Protein backbone atom coordinates (compact mmCIF):
# COMPACT_ATOMS: atom_id res chain seq x y z
CA UNK A 1 -54.36 29.78 120.42
CA UNK A 2 -53.00 29.99 123.96
CA UNK A 3 -55.60 29.76 126.75
CA UNK A 4 -55.36 31.89 129.88
CA UNK A 5 -56.87 31.33 133.32
CA UNK A 6 -59.51 34.02 133.74
CA UNK A 7 -58.58 34.15 137.43
CA UNK A 8 -55.21 35.57 136.45
CA UNK A 9 -56.65 38.18 134.10
CA UNK A 10 -60.06 39.41 135.23
CA UNK A 11 -60.86 41.49 138.29
CA UNK A 12 -62.53 39.47 141.03
CA UNK A 13 -65.98 41.03 140.66
CA UNK A 14 -65.92 40.67 136.89
CA UNK A 15 -64.80 37.05 137.24
CA UNK A 16 -67.75 36.36 139.54
CA UNK A 17 -70.14 37.76 136.92
CA UNK A 18 -68.59 35.66 134.14
CA UNK A 19 -68.80 32.54 136.33
CA UNK A 20 -72.56 33.04 136.64
CA UNK A 21 -72.96 32.57 132.90
CA UNK A 22 -69.99 30.43 131.83
CA UNK A 23 -68.47 28.82 134.91
CA UNK A 24 -66.18 25.94 133.90
CA UNK A 25 -66.71 26.56 130.15
CA UNK A 26 -64.07 27.43 127.59
CA UNK A 27 -65.10 30.69 125.92
CA UNK A 28 -63.57 32.90 123.24
CA UNK A 29 -63.54 36.66 123.81
CA UNK A 30 -63.10 38.48 120.46
CA UNK A 31 -60.94 41.55 120.11
CA UNK A 32 -62.64 44.89 120.19
CA UNK A 33 -63.10 46.21 116.64
CA UNK A 34 -60.75 49.04 115.81
CA UNK A 35 -62.04 52.37 114.60
CA UNK A 36 -62.70 52.46 110.91
CA UNK A 37 -60.03 54.06 108.77
CA UNK A 38 -60.41 56.78 106.14
CA UNK A 39 -63.27 56.16 103.74
CA UNK A 40 -64.40 52.88 105.33
CA UNK A 41 -67.62 54.16 106.86
CA UNK A 42 -68.79 55.71 103.59
CA UNK A 43 -67.43 52.91 101.44
CA UNK A 44 -65.28 55.38 99.51
CA UNK A 45 -62.02 53.52 100.12
CA UNK A 46 -63.54 50.27 98.89
CA UNK A 47 -64.74 51.95 95.71
CA UNK A 48 -61.33 53.57 95.21
CA UNK A 49 -59.54 50.25 95.71
CA UNK A 50 -61.87 48.54 93.25
CA UNK A 51 -61.32 51.29 90.71
CA UNK A 52 -57.54 51.07 91.08
CA UNK A 53 -57.69 47.29 90.76
CA UNK A 54 -59.73 47.66 87.57
CA UNK A 55 -57.16 50.08 86.19
CA UNK A 56 -54.34 47.63 86.88
CA UNK A 57 -56.35 44.82 85.31
CA UNK A 58 -56.96 46.88 82.18
CA UNK A 59 -53.25 47.57 81.90
CA UNK A 60 -52.35 43.90 82.44
CA UNK A 61 -54.83 42.99 79.68
CA UNK A 62 -52.93 45.14 77.21
CA UNK A 63 -54.87 48.40 77.21
CA UNK A 64 -52.75 51.50 76.69
CA UNK A 65 -52.22 54.21 79.30
CA UNK A 66 -54.19 56.69 77.17
CA UNK A 67 -57.11 54.28 76.68
CA UNK A 68 -57.34 53.69 80.44
CA UNK A 69 -57.05 57.42 81.17
CA UNK A 70 -59.97 58.18 78.86
CA UNK A 71 -62.08 55.37 80.31
CA UNK A 72 -61.62 56.43 83.94
CA UNK A 73 -61.42 60.21 83.35
CA UNK A 74 -57.95 60.48 84.87
CA UNK A 75 -54.75 61.94 83.49
CA UNK A 76 -52.21 59.60 81.84
CA UNK A 77 -49.71 60.52 84.58
CA UNK A 78 -52.13 59.38 87.27
CA UNK A 79 -52.66 56.07 85.46
CA UNK A 80 -48.89 55.56 85.19
CA UNK A 81 -48.48 56.07 88.93
CA UNK A 82 -51.21 53.54 89.67
CA UNK A 83 -49.96 50.80 87.33
CA UNK A 84 -46.23 51.34 87.92
CA UNK A 85 -46.34 52.35 91.57
CA UNK A 86 -45.81 50.43 94.76
CA UNK A 87 -48.37 49.79 97.50
CA UNK A 88 -50.22 53.00 98.29
CA UNK A 89 -50.11 54.46 101.79
CA UNK A 90 -52.44 57.41 102.23
CA UNK A 91 -50.40 60.55 103.00
CA UNK A 92 -51.24 62.96 105.80
CA UNK A 93 -53.93 65.40 104.64
CA UNK A 94 -53.65 69.14 105.07
CA UNK A 95 -55.01 72.04 102.98
CA UNK A 96 -51.60 72.77 101.45
CA UNK A 97 -49.84 72.38 98.13
CA UNK A 98 -47.33 69.99 99.71
CA UNK A 99 -50.10 67.68 100.87
CA UNK A 100 -51.78 67.84 97.46
CA UNK A 101 -48.47 66.96 95.79
CA UNK A 102 -48.06 63.95 98.09
CA UNK A 103 -51.52 62.68 97.19
CA UNK A 104 -51.06 63.35 93.48
CA UNK A 105 -47.70 61.55 93.45
CA UNK A 106 -49.53 58.35 94.46
CA UNK A 107 -52.36 58.78 91.99
CA UNK A 108 -54.75 59.99 94.69
CA UNK A 109 -55.23 63.61 93.69
CA UNK A 110 -59.00 63.12 93.53
CA UNK A 111 -59.00 61.95 97.16
CA UNK A 112 -57.19 65.14 98.23
CA UNK A 113 -59.79 67.22 96.39
CA UNK A 114 -62.63 65.25 98.00
CA UNK A 115 -61.19 65.68 101.50
CA UNK A 116 -60.47 69.38 101.00
CA UNK A 117 -63.95 70.19 99.72
CA UNK A 118 -65.51 67.98 102.38
CA UNK A 119 -63.77 70.11 105.02
CA UNK A 120 -65.67 73.08 103.53
CA UNK A 121 -68.96 71.12 103.42
CA UNK A 122 -68.78 71.15 99.63
CA UNK A 123 -69.24 68.24 97.24
CA UNK A 124 -66.50 67.37 94.78
CA UNK A 125 -67.33 67.51 91.06
CA UNK A 126 -68.86 64.30 89.71
CA UNK A 127 -65.83 62.35 88.48
CA UNK A 128 -67.97 60.56 85.90
CA UNK A 129 -68.69 63.92 84.22
CA UNK A 130 -65.25 65.54 84.41
CA UNK A 131 -61.70 64.75 83.42
CA UNK A 132 -59.38 65.71 86.29
CA UNK A 133 -55.85 66.87 85.53
CA UNK A 134 -52.69 66.23 87.47
CA UNK A 135 -51.62 68.95 89.90
CA UNK A 136 -50.42 71.61 87.44
CA UNK A 137 -49.48 75.26 87.39
CA UNK A 138 -52.17 77.19 85.54
CA UNK A 139 -51.72 80.76 84.23
CA UNK A 140 -54.11 82.87 86.27
CA UNK A 141 -54.91 85.02 83.23
CA UNK A 142 -57.01 82.11 81.95
CA UNK A 143 -59.41 82.33 84.88
CA UNK A 144 -62.00 85.06 85.18
CA UNK A 145 -62.59 86.83 88.49
CA UNK A 146 -65.56 88.49 90.10
CA UNK A 147 -65.66 91.84 91.91
CA UNK A 148 -62.11 92.71 90.91
CA UNK A 149 -62.55 96.19 92.35
CA UNK A 150 -63.01 94.81 95.86
CA UNK A 151 -60.01 94.98 98.22
CA UNK A 152 -58.92 91.61 99.56
CA UNK A 153 -56.42 90.54 102.17
CA UNK A 154 -52.83 89.93 101.15
CA UNK A 155 -51.99 86.59 99.53
CA UNK A 156 -49.88 85.77 102.57
CA UNK A 157 -53.02 85.83 104.71
CA UNK A 158 -54.39 82.81 102.86
CA UNK A 159 -53.27 79.22 103.16
CA UNK A 160 -50.95 78.27 100.32
CA UNK A 161 -53.23 75.70 98.74
CA UNK A 162 -54.10 74.60 95.20
CA UNK A 163 -57.01 76.04 93.30
CA UNK A 164 -59.90 73.80 92.26
CA UNK A 165 -60.63 74.95 88.71
CA UNK A 166 -63.60 73.96 86.53
CA UNK A 167 -63.57 74.20 82.74
CA UNK A 168 -67.02 74.13 81.19
CA UNK A 169 -68.70 76.00 78.37
CA UNK A 170 -65.16 76.99 77.32
CA UNK A 171 -64.70 79.03 80.50
CA UNK A 172 -62.35 78.51 83.47
CA UNK A 173 -63.81 79.27 86.90
CA UNK A 174 -63.06 78.70 90.60
CA UNK A 175 -66.49 78.24 92.22
CA UNK A 176 -65.07 77.29 95.63
CA UNK A 177 -62.23 79.81 96.06
CA UNK A 178 -63.13 83.09 94.34
CA UNK A 179 -61.70 85.28 97.10
CA UNK A 180 -58.47 83.29 97.04
CA UNK A 181 -58.13 83.73 93.27
CA UNK A 182 -58.76 87.47 93.48
CA UNK A 183 -56.17 87.68 96.24
CA UNK A 184 -53.57 85.84 94.15
CA UNK A 185 -54.21 88.13 91.21
CA UNK A 186 -54.00 91.19 93.41
CA UNK A 187 -50.59 89.94 94.54
CA UNK A 188 -49.66 89.74 90.84
CA UNK A 189 -49.12 85.99 90.79
CA UNK A 190 -48.71 84.86 87.19
CA UNK A 191 -49.58 81.21 87.82
CA UNK A 192 -50.60 78.92 90.65
CA UNK A 193 -50.99 75.22 91.40
CA UNK A 194 -54.39 73.78 90.59
CA UNK A 195 -56.41 70.66 89.91
CA UNK A 196 -58.38 71.34 86.73
CA UNK A 197 -61.70 69.61 86.03
CA UNK A 198 -62.77 69.71 82.38
CA UNK A 199 -66.15 68.39 81.26
CA UNK A 200 -65.72 65.14 79.35
CA UNK A 201 -67.31 66.47 76.17
CA UNK A 202 -65.00 69.50 76.23
CA UNK A 203 -61.80 67.69 77.15
CA UNK A 204 -60.33 67.45 73.64
CA UNK A 205 -60.86 71.17 73.02
CA UNK A 206 -59.57 72.00 76.49
CA UNK A 207 -56.37 69.97 76.12
CA UNK A 208 -55.62 70.93 72.51
CA UNK A 209 -56.06 74.63 73.20
CA UNK A 210 -54.76 75.00 76.74
CA UNK A 211 -52.68 71.91 77.59
CA UNK A 212 -49.45 73.53 76.47
CA UNK A 213 -50.00 76.33 79.01
CA UNK A 214 -49.80 73.96 81.99
CA UNK A 215 -46.65 72.78 83.69
CA UNK A 216 -45.98 70.73 86.81
């Protein structure tokens, strides 16, 4: 490490103060800590990194993509992106389909959902209780609506963002975006991008009966 003469760096008054406490001594001044990045304060990024490392370890140990997907409640496509992909750089977040696609392409669709719902002061579904799909196009006829007789704004007045769909008790619902769904249906959209959360115990029924209806 290269040493510098404090006289050449510090303002005179500050130098005088330092000399009171450490005159003639060699001291080390540490760098100021940088602001914490995404997820560091809450520990979320650390948990996500550990989970991804575990997934890669499972794959290296010979477990199949499907076995890992079932263990971690993620889609096979997400697992493939994590074990085959390069170093992950978190994309720029925005409440748009493009941003969601960027996250999903790196196996981080669940992080996009978490950030989007957090921006609405909502909690994401418990990932230990639900299987989360890739970003897919879901036929809107599968999802029930409420207050269909009510008049909503045009679809163009809403942000073009994915739906967050829950499948439980053999019913599809959108608990966070009901107005948005009604608006899309009013605009006669046949399908729309969505992340679908199916309860673990209903996943087999969900996929066997509805999986063929989804496309990317």
